């Protein structure tokens, strides 16, 4: 919910105002302040909103690849909380991602910083098959037993210890580069085990932020979601972790 790429000068979010359903692009600075012009200048979000509620229509991709998360169905749009600079999800609220955003059958790194949560099975990222299709998905969610869970459906991985709590920065990294490799877990920059995995047959499509392909909805706050189509080096992983943990 902040500007995290200094080369990116586009908007951070498109917000729908509940009072009249007007929509407006907003630009963030590094602190997460939002304004109608670059650098969080212009009219502020709170000025534009008044007493209305802010719903997220677009959460823009800052990589320059145009893979913007969006939700055109008003009843499914998550809520942006200006005071705490976060997006709040709940059952039935989620964002769609363009097909091919979530890596399949190749190396990847997911990084998320979340706030409070109301359930321990909510999906942060979901992609792939729509049913009980063995190894055809790539889902990343909270988990009541392991804390976090990355499953390809019947081909799963979780951290070595359950340290689930609000404000965690979580990294799941798969080194691929094809359908066989090792998944590594890091929580708040500390290693939490690894899992050897093989036989992945995932396919692009049905891609989301805020739920899995099994409709396991995240219910709580989200600050950052990063998706890389590579297994980040420890140096690069630490750069992202430090950015999020010091936000």
C-alpha atoms as a PDB file:
ATOM      1  CA  UNK A   1       0.000   0.000   0.000  1.00  0.00           C
ATOM      2  CA  UNK A   2       3.076   2.218  -0.279  1.00  0.00           C
ATOM      3  CA  UNK A   3       5.280   3.267  -3.153  1.00  0.00           C
ATOM      4  CA  UNK A   4       8.061   0.677  -3.077  1.00  0.00           C
ATOM      5  CA  UNK A   5       9.650   1.147  -6.510  1.00  0.00           C
ATOM      6  CA  UNK A   6      11.307   4.519  -7.097  1.00  0.00           C
ATOM      7  CA  UNK A   7      11.138   3.942 -10.862  1.00  0.00           C
ATOM      8  CA  UNK A   8       7.368   3.572 -10.713  1.00  0.00           C
ATOM      9  CA  UNK A   9       5.455   6.852 -11.054  1.00  0.00           C
ATOM     10  CA  UNK A  10       1.960   5.463 -11.594  1.00  0.00           C
ATOM     11  CA  UNK A  11      -0.917   5.279  -9.118  1.00  0.00           C
ATOM     12  CA  UNK A  12      -0.956   2.862  -6.207  1.00  0.00           C
ATOM     13  CA  UNK A  13      -4.688   2.307  -5.926  1.00  0.00           C
ATOM     14  CA  UNK A  14      -7.949   3.185  -7.595  1.00  0.00           C
ATOM     15  CA  UNK A  15     -10.535   3.813  -4.901  1.00  0.00           C
ATOM     16  CA  UNK A  16     -14.332   3.750  -5.124  1.00  0.00           C
ATOM     17  CA  UNK A  17     -16.105   6.151  -2.773  1.00  0.00           C
ATOM     18  CA  UNK A  18     -19.163   4.602  -1.114  1.00  0.00           C
ATOM     19  CA  UNK A  19     -21.199   7.808  -1.000  1.00  0.00           C
ATOM     20  CA  UNK A  20     -21.534   8.233  -4.772  1.00  0.00           C
ATOM     21  CA  UNK A  21     -19.525   5.345  -6.305  1.00  0.00           C
ATOM     22  CA  UNK A  22     -17.066   7.799  -7.839  1.00  0.00           C
ATOM     23  CA  UNK A  23     -13.629   6.305  -8.560  1.00  0.00           C
ATOM     24  CA  UNK A  24     -10.238   8.008  -8.393  1.00  0.00           C
ATOM     25  CA  UNK A  25      -6.598   7.012  -8.844  1.00  0.00           C
ATOM     26  CA  UNK A  26      -4.385   7.700  -5.828  1.00  0.00           C
ATOM     27  CA  UNK A  27      -0.605   7.925  -5.698  1.00  0.00           C
ATOM     28  CA  UNK A  28       1.394   6.857  -2.654  1.00  0.00           C
ATOM     29  CA  UNK A  29       4.695   8.009  -1.261  1.00  0.00           C
ATOM     30  CA  UNK A  30       7.075   5.755   0.650  1.00  0.00           C
ATOM     31  CA  UNK A  31       5.126   6.310   3.868  1.00  0.00           C
ATOM     32  CA  UNK A  32       1.840   5.179   2.338  1.00  0.00           C
ATOM     33  CA  UNK A  33       0.204   8.603   2.265  1.00  0.00           C
ATOM     34  CA  UNK A  34      -2.220   8.854  -0.668  1.00  0.00           C
ATOM     35  CA  UNK A  35      -2.984  11.831  -2.890  1.00  0.00           C
ATOM     36  CA  UNK A  36      -4.481  12.433  -6.318  1.00  0.00           C
ATOM     37  CA  UNK A  37      -1.079  13.401  -7.814  1.00  0.00           C
ATOM     38  CA  UNK A  38       2.379  11.824  -7.927  1.00  0.00           C
ATOM     39  CA  UNK A  39       4.168  11.731  -4.577  1.00  0.00           C
ATOM     40  CA  UNK A  40       0.904  11.765  -2.600  1.00  0.00           C
ATOM     41  CA  UNK A  41       0.386  15.427  -3.504  1.00  0.00           C
ATOM     42  CA  UNK A  42      -2.857  16.982  -4.734  1.00  0.00           C
ATOM     43  CA  UNK A  43      -6.023  16.208  -2.842  1.00  0.00           C
ATOM     44  CA  UNK A  44      -5.525  13.672  -0.067  1.00  0.00           C
ATOM     45  CA  UNK A  45      -7.586  10.510   0.152  1.00  0.00           C
ATOM     46  CA  UNK A  46      -9.204  11.589   3.401  1.00  0.00           C
ATOM     47  CA  UNK A  47     -10.223  14.921   1.863  1.00  0.00           C
ATOM     48  CA  UNK A  48     -11.702  13.193  -1.171  1.00  0.00           C
ATOM     49  CA  UNK A  49     -13.505  10.568   0.925  1.00  0.00           C
ATOM     50  CA  UNK A  50     -15.067  12.752   3.579  1.00  0.00           C
ATOM     51  CA  UNK A  51     -17.068  10.339   5.747  1.00  0.00           C
ATOM     52  CA  UNK A  52     -17.435   7.717   3.010  1.00  0.00           C
ATOM     53  CA  UNK A  53     -15.841   4.263   2.919  1.00  0.00           C
ATOM     54  CA  UNK A  54     -12.954   3.549   0.520  1.00  0.00           C
ATOM     55  CA  UNK A  55     -13.276   0.395  -1.577  1.00  0.00           C
ATOM     56  CA  UNK A  56     -10.360  -0.941  -3.620  1.00  0.00           C
ATOM     57  CA  UNK A  57     -11.131  -1.151  -7.345  1.00  0.00           C
ATOM     58  CA  UNK A  58      -7.500  -1.518  -8.479  1.00  0.00           C
ATOM     59  CA  UNK A  59      -4.358  -2.308  -6.507  1.00  0.00           C
ATOM     60  CA  UNK A  60      -1.750  -1.418  -9.095  1.00  0.00           C
ATOM     61  CA  UNK A  61       1.309  -3.493  -9.947  1.00  0.00           C
ATOM     62  CA  UNK A  62       4.454  -1.450  -9.278  1.00  0.00           C
ATOM     63  CA  UNK A  63       6.765  -3.739 -11.287  1.00  0.00           C
ATOM     64  CA  UNK A  64       5.932  -2.048 -14.590  1.00  0.00           C
ATOM     65  CA  UNK A  65       4.479  -5.272 -16.020  1.00  0.00           C
ATOM     66  CA  UNK A  66       0.888  -4.102 -15.744  1.00  0.00           C
ATOM     67  CA  UNK A  67      -0.309  -7.067 -13.697  1.00  0.00           C
ATOM     68  CA  UNK A  68      -2.796  -5.020 -11.701  1.00  0.00           C
ATOM     69  CA  UNK A  69      -5.024  -6.628  -9.069  1.00  0.00           C
ATOM     70  CA  UNK A  70      -8.624  -5.534  -9.541  1.00  0.00           C
ATOM     71  CA  UNK A  71     -12.208  -6.168  -8.515  1.00  0.00           C
ATOM     72  CA  UNK A  72     -14.999  -4.877 -10.743  1.00  0.00           C
ATOM     73  CA  UNK A  73     -17.814  -6.349  -8.632  1.00  0.00           C
ATOM     74  CA  UNK A  74     -18.594  -3.735  -6.014  1.00  0.00           C
ATOM     75  CA  UNK A  75     -19.886  -6.234  -3.456  1.00  0.00           C
ATOM     76  CA  UNK A  76     -16.540  -8.067  -3.598  1.00  0.00           C
ATOM     77  CA  UNK A  77     -14.230  -5.070  -3.270  1.00  0.00           C
ATOM     78  CA  UNK A  78     -12.041  -5.033  -0.141  1.00  0.00           C
ATOM     79  CA  UNK A  79     -11.870  -1.921   2.047  1.00  0.00           C
ATOM     80  CA  UNK A  80      -8.927   0.444   2.276  1.00  0.00           C
ATOM     81  CA  UNK A  81      -8.283   1.818   5.780  1.00  0.00           C
ATOM     82  CA  UNK A  82      -6.577   5.166   5.377  1.00  0.00           C
ATOM     83  CA  UNK A  83      -5.658   5.614   9.037  1.00  0.00           C
ATOM     84  CA  UNK A  84      -3.667   2.357   9.202  1.00  0.00           C
ATOM     85  CA  UNK A  85      -2.664   2.256   5.490  1.00  0.00           C
ATOM     86  CA  UNK A  86      -3.901  -1.270   4.895  1.00  0.00           C
ATOM     87  CA  UNK A  87      -6.421  -3.232   2.856  1.00  0.00           C
ATOM     88  CA  UNK A  88      -9.051  -5.162   4.813  1.00  0.00           C
ATOM     89  CA  UNK A  89     -10.383  -8.394   3.344  1.00  0.00           C
ATOM     90  CA  UNK A  90     -13.277 -10.523   4.532  1.00  0.00           C
ATOM     91  CA  UNK A  91     -15.315 -13.474   3.318  1.00  0.00           C
ATOM     92  CA  UNK A  92     -16.384 -12.735  -0.242  1.00  0.00           C
ATOM     93  CA  UNK A  93     -13.911  -9.852  -0.661  1.00  0.00           C
ATOM     94  CA  UNK A  94     -10.925 -10.421  -2.961  1.00  0.00           C
ATOM     95  CA  UNK A  95      -8.962  -9.083  -5.921  1.00  0.00           C
ATOM     96  CA  UNK A  96      -8.454 -10.749  -9.299  1.00  0.00           C
ATOM     97  CA  UNK A  97      -5.027 -11.052 -10.925  1.00  0.00           C
ATOM     98  CA  UNK A  98      -4.329 -11.377 -14.668  1.00  0.00           C
ATOM     99  CA  UNK A  99      -3.632 -14.916 -15.844  1.00  0.00           C
ATOM    100  CA  UNK A 100       0.059 -15.707 -15.614  1.00  0.00           C
ATOM    101  CA  UNK A 101       0.792 -13.393 -12.693  1.00  0.00           C
ATOM    102  CA  UNK A 102       1.295 -16.283 -10.262  1.00  0.00           C
ATOM    103  CA  UNK A 103       4.217 -18.501 -11.418  1.00  0.00           C
ATOM    104  CA  UNK A 104       3.472 -22.106 -12.333  1.00  0.00           C
ATOM    105  CA  UNK A 105       5.949 -24.985 -12.750  1.00  0.00           C
ATOM    106  CA  UNK A 106       8.899 -22.692 -12.210  1.00  0.00           C
ATOM    107  CA  UNK A 107      10.777 -20.929  -9.444  1.00  0.00           C
ATOM    108  CA  UNK A 108       8.926 -18.281  -7.429  1.00  0.00           C
ATOM    109  CA  UNK A 109       8.999 -16.204  -4.284  1.00  0.00           C
ATOM    110  CA  UNK A 110       5.908 -14.937  -2.436  1.00  0.00           C
ATOM    111  CA  UNK A 111       6.342 -12.267   0.223  1.00  0.00           C
ATOM    112  CA  UNK A 112       3.495 -10.845   2.290  1.00  0.00           C
ATOM    113  CA  UNK A 113       3.152  -8.615   5.306  1.00  0.00           C
ATOM    114  CA  UNK A 114      -0.215  -8.986   7.002  1.00  0.00           C
ATOM    115  CA  UNK A 115      -1.953  -7.511  10.002  1.00  0.00           C
ATOM    116  CA  UNK A 116      -4.746  -8.941  12.119  1.00  0.00           C
ATOM    117  CA  UNK A 117      -6.627 -12.041  10.926  1.00  0.00           C
ATOM    118  CA  UNK A 118     -10.039 -13.384  11.887  1.00  0.00           C
ATOM    119  CA  UNK A 119      -9.445 -16.959  10.709  1.00  0.00           C
ATOM    120  CA  UNK A 120      -6.459 -19.279  10.339  1.00  0.00           C
ATOM    121  CA  UNK A 121      -7.203 -20.625   6.866  1.00  0.00           C
ATOM    122  CA  UNK A 122      -7.485 -17.478   4.780  1.00  0.00           C
ATOM    123  CA  UNK A 123      -5.840 -17.281   1.370  1.00  0.00           C
ATOM    124  CA  UNK A 124      -3.242 -14.622   0.596  1.00  0.00           C
ATOM    125  CA  UNK A 125      -2.545 -15.750  -2.997  1.00  0.00           C
ATOM    126  CA  UNK A 126      -4.437 -18.293  -5.086  1.00  0.00           C
ATOM    127  CA  UNK A 127      -3.989 -19.618  -8.612  1.00  0.00           C
ATOM    128  CA  UNK A 128      -4.607 -22.651 -10.813  1.00  0.00           C
ATOM    129  CA  UNK A 129      -7.107 -25.478 -10.731  1.00  0.00           C
ATOM    130  CA  UNK A 130     -10.599 -24.999  -9.360  1.00  0.00           C
ATOM    131  CA  UNK A 131     -11.081 -28.330  -7.634  1.00  0.00           C
ATOM    132  CA  UNK A 132      -9.312 -31.296  -6.143  1.00  0.00           C
ATOM    133  CA  UNK A 133      -6.770 -31.368  -8.976  1.00  0.00           C
ATOM    134  CA  UNK A 134      -3.558 -32.853  -7.612  1.00  0.00           C
ATOM    135  CA  UNK A 135      -0.568 -30.498  -7.971  1.00  0.00           C
ATOM    136  CA  UNK A 136      -2.412 -28.140 -10.346  1.00  0.00           C
ATOM    137  CA  UNK A 137      -2.575 -25.058  -8.114  1.00  0.00           C
ATOM    138  CA  UNK A 138      -0.297 -22.608  -6.340  1.00  0.00           C
ATOM    139  CA  UNK A 139      -2.023 -21.418  -3.183  1.00  0.00           C
ATOM    140  CA  UNK A 140      -0.534 -19.541  -0.220  1.00  0.00           C
ATOM    141  CA  UNK A 141      -2.633 -19.167   2.925  1.00  0.00           C
ATOM    142  CA  UNK A 142      -2.665 -19.013   6.695  1.00  0.00           C
ATOM    143  CA  UNK A 143      -2.882 -22.346   8.483  1.00  0.00           C
ATOM    144  CA  UNK A 144      -4.028 -23.305  11.950  1.00  0.00           C
ATOM    145  CA  UNK A 145      -1.427 -26.069  12.369  1.00  0.00           C
ATOM    146  CA  UNK A 146       1.682 -24.767  10.606  1.00  0.00           C
ATOM    147  CA  UNK A 147       0.928 -21.049  10.643  1.00  0.00           C
ATOM    148  CA  UNK A 148       1.270 -20.773   6.858  1.00  0.00           C
ATOM    149  CA  UNK A 149       0.762 -23.199   4.001  1.00  0.00           C
ATOM    150  CA  UNK A 150       1.815 -23.293   0.350  1.00  0.00           C
ATOM    151  CA  UNK A 151      -0.086 -26.017  -1.461  1.00  0.00           C
ATOM    152  CA  UNK A 152      -0.187 -27.296  -5.004  1.00  0.00           C
ATOM    153  CA  UNK A 153      -3.131 -29.484  -3.866  1.00  0.00           C
ATOM    154  CA  UNK A 154      -1.950 -32.677  -2.259  1.00  0.00           C
ATOM    155  CA  UNK A 155       1.651 -31.532  -2.648  1.00  0.00           C
ATOM    156  CA  UNK A 156       2.175 -29.136   0.217  1.00  0.00           C
ATOM    157  CA  UNK A 157       4.676 -27.268   2.365  1.00  0.00           C
ATOM    158  CA  UNK A 158       4.604 -25.367   5.625  1.00  0.00           C
ATOM    159  CA  UNK A 159       7.110 -23.840   8.057  1.00  0.00           C
ATOM    160  CA  UNK A 160       8.853 -25.970  10.672  1.00  0.00           C
ATOM    161  CA  UNK A 161       7.107 -24.092  13.519  1.00  0.00           C
ATOM    162  CA  UNK A 162       3.816 -22.260  13.899  1.00  0.00           C
ATOM    163  CA  UNK A 163       4.682 -18.631  14.644  1.00  0.00           C
ATOM    164  CA  UNK A 164       1.550 -17.118  13.103  1.00  0.00           C
ATOM    165  CA  UNK A 165       0.820 -13.676  14.535  1.00  0.00           C
ATOM    166  CA  UNK A 166      -0.247 -10.230  13.288  1.00  0.00           C
ATOM    167  CA  UNK A 167       2.381  -8.023  11.610  1.00  0.00           C
ATOM    168  CA  UNK A 168       4.433 -10.971  10.358  1.00  0.00           C
ATOM    169  CA  UNK A 169       6.480 -10.693   7.177  1.00  0.00           C
ATOM    170  CA  UNK A 170       6.337 -14.114   5.509  1.00  0.00           C
ATOM    171  CA  UNK A 171       8.461 -15.447   2.647  1.00  0.00           C
ATOM    172  CA  UNK A 172       7.853 -18.715   0.796  1.00  0.00           C
ATOM    173  CA  UNK A 173      10.522 -19.411  -1.824  1.00  0.00           C
ATOM    174  CA  UNK A 174      10.592 -22.296  -4.315  1.00  0.00           C
ATOM    175  CA  UNK A 175      13.886 -22.810  -6.104  1.00  0.00           C
ATOM    176  CA  UNK A 176      12.543 -24.812  -9.075  1.00  0.00           C
ATOM    177  CA  UNK A 177      13.421 -24.128 -11.783  1.00  0.00           C
ATOM    178  CA  UNK A 178      10.900 -26.702 -13.085  1.00  0.00           C
ATOM    179  CA  UNK A 179       8.446 -29.073 -11.404  1.00  0.00           C
ATOM    180  CA  UNK A 180      10.967 -30.402  -8.872  1.00  0.00           C
ATOM    181  CA  UNK A 181      12.798 -28.384  -6.221  1.00  0.00           C
ATOM    182  CA  UNK A 182      12.806 -27.209  -2.626  1.00  0.00           C
ATOM    183  CA  UNK A 183      10.484 -24.782  -0.855  1.00  0.00           C
ATOM    184  CA  UNK A 184      12.033 -22.597   1.862  1.00  0.00           C
ATOM    185  CA  UNK A 185      10.248 -20.594   4.560  1.00  0.00           C
ATOM    186  CA  UNK A 186      11.322 -17.367   6.265  1.00  0.00           C
ATOM    187  CA  UNK A 187       9.270 -15.454   8.835  1.00  0.00           C
ATOM    188  CA  UNK A 188      10.461 -12.047   9.973  1.00  0.00           C
ATOM    189  CA  UNK A 189      13.826 -12.795   8.313  1.00  0.00           C
ATOM    190  CA  UNK A 190      14.342 -16.050  10.243  1.00  0.00           C
ATOM    191  CA  UNK A 191      14.525 -19.429   8.446  1.00  0.00           C
ATOM    192  CA  UNK A 192      11.748 -21.897   9.268  1.00  0.00           C
ATOM    193  CA  UNK A 193      12.618 -25.065   7.410  1.00  0.00           C
ATOM    194  CA  UNK A 194      12.296 -26.429   3.895  1.00  0.00           C
ATOM    195  CA  UNK A 195      10.404 -29.087   1.921  1.00  0.00           C
ATOM    196  CA  UNK A 196      11.544 -31.078  -1.128  1.00  0.00           C
ATOM    197  CA  UNK A 197       8.715 -31.236  -3.687  1.00  0.00           C
ATOM    198  CA  UNK A 198       8.174 -32.665  -7.167  1.00  0.00           C
ATOM    199  CA  UNK A 199       5.478 -33.501  -9.694  1.00  0.00           C
ATOM    200  CA  UNK A 200       3.960 -30.036 -10.051  1.00  0.00           C
ATOM    201  CA  UNK A 201       1.584 -29.663 -13.013  1.00  0.00           C
ATOM    202  CA  UNK A 202       0.024 -26.269 -12.325  1.00  0.00           C
ATOM    203  CA  UNK A 203      -1.569 -24.067 -14.954  1.00  0.00           C
ATOM    204  CA  UNK A 204      -2.258 -20.338 -15.219  1.00  0.00           C
ATOM    205  CA  UNK A 205      -5.701 -18.975 -14.446  1.00  0.00           C
ATOM    206  CA  UNK A 206      -8.119 -18.332 -11.564  1.00  0.00           C
ATOM    207  CA  UNK A 207      -5.617 -16.004  -9.877  1.00  0.00           C
ATOM    208  CA  UNK A 208      -6.410 -13.967  -6.784  1.00  0.00           C
ATOM    209  CA  UNK A 209      -5.259 -11.926  -3.826  1.00  0.00           C
ATOM    210  CA  UNK A 210      -7.402 -12.508  -0.759  1.00  0.00           C
ATOM    211  CA  UNK A 211      -8.502 -16.078  -1.414  1.00  0.00           C
ATOM    212  CA  UNK A 212      -7.329 -19.448  -2.704  1.00  0.00           C
ATOM    213  CA  UNK A 213      -8.769 -21.416  -5.605  1.00  0.00           C
ATOM    214  CA  UNK A 214     -10.726 -23.388  -2.974  1.00  0.00           C
ATOM    215  CA  UNK A 215     -12.444 -20.124  -1.908  1.00  0.00           C
ATOM    216  CA  UNK A 216     -10.571 -19.952   1.381  1.00  0.00           C
ATOM    217  CA  UNK A 217     -11.052 -16.228   1.976  1.00  0.00           C
ATOM    218  CA  UNK A 218      -8.579 -14.124   3.897  1.00  0.00           C
ATOM    219  CA  UNK A 219     -10.281 -12.191   6.668  1.00  0.00           C
ATOM    220  CA  UNK A 220      -8.034  -9.468   8.013  1.00  0.00           C
ATOM    221  CA  UNK A 221      -5.515  -6.790   7.090  1.00  0.00           C
ATOM    222  CA  UNK A 222      -2.919  -6.830   4.324  1.00  0.00           C
ATOM    223  CA  UNK A 223      -0.139  -4.286   3.800  1.00  0.00           C
ATOM    224  CA  UNK A 224       2.048  -5.770   1.058  1.00  0.00           C
ATOM    225  CA  UNK A 225       1.961  -8.644  -1.417  1.00  0.00           C
ATOM    226  CA  UNK A 226       5.023  -9.316  -3.595  1.00  0.00           C
ATOM    227  CA  UNK A 227       5.157 -11.993  -6.318  1.00  0.00           C
ATOM    228  CA  UNK A 228       8.427 -12.885  -8.025  1.00  0.00           C
ATOM    229  CA  UNK A 229       8.853 -15.392 -10.868  1.00  0.00           C
ATOM    230  CA  UNK A 230      12.247 -16.371  -9.452  1.00  0.00           C
ATOM    231  CA  UNK A 231      13.842 -17.788  -6.332  1.00  0.00           C
ATOM    232  CA  UNK A 232      15.239 -14.649  -4.713  1.00  0.00           C
ATOM    233  CA  UNK A 233      18.781 -14.684  -3.440  1.00  0.00           C
ATOM    234  CA  UNK A 234      19.173 -14.223   0.304  1.00  0.00           C
ATOM    235  CA  UNK A 235      20.537 -10.731  -0.354  1.00  0.00           C
ATOM    236  CA  UNK A 236      17.457  -9.700  -2.329  1.00  0.00           C
ATOM    237  CA  UNK A 237      15.110 -11.424   0.096  1.00  0.00           C
ATOM    238  CA  UNK A 238      16.669  -9.506   2.984  1.00  0.00           C
ATOM    239  CA  UNK A 239      16.222  -6.215   1.115  1.00  0.00           C
ATOM    240  CA  UNK A 240      12.487  -6.832   0.802  1.00  0.00           C
ATOM    241  CA  UNK A 241      12.138  -8.118   4.367  1.00  0.00           C
ATOM    242  CA  UNK A 242      13.921  -5.065   5.771  1.00  0.00           C
ATOM    243  CA  UNK A 243      11.690  -2.794   3.710  1.00  0.00           C
ATOM    244  CA  UNK A 244       8.541  -4.398   5.100  1.00  0.00           C
ATOM    245  CA  UNK A 245       9.662  -4.960   8.671  1.00  0.00           C
ATOM    246  CA  UNK A 246      10.778  -1.329   9.022  1.00  0.00           C
ATOM    247  CA  UNK A 247       7.635   0.125   7.451  1.00  0.00           C
END
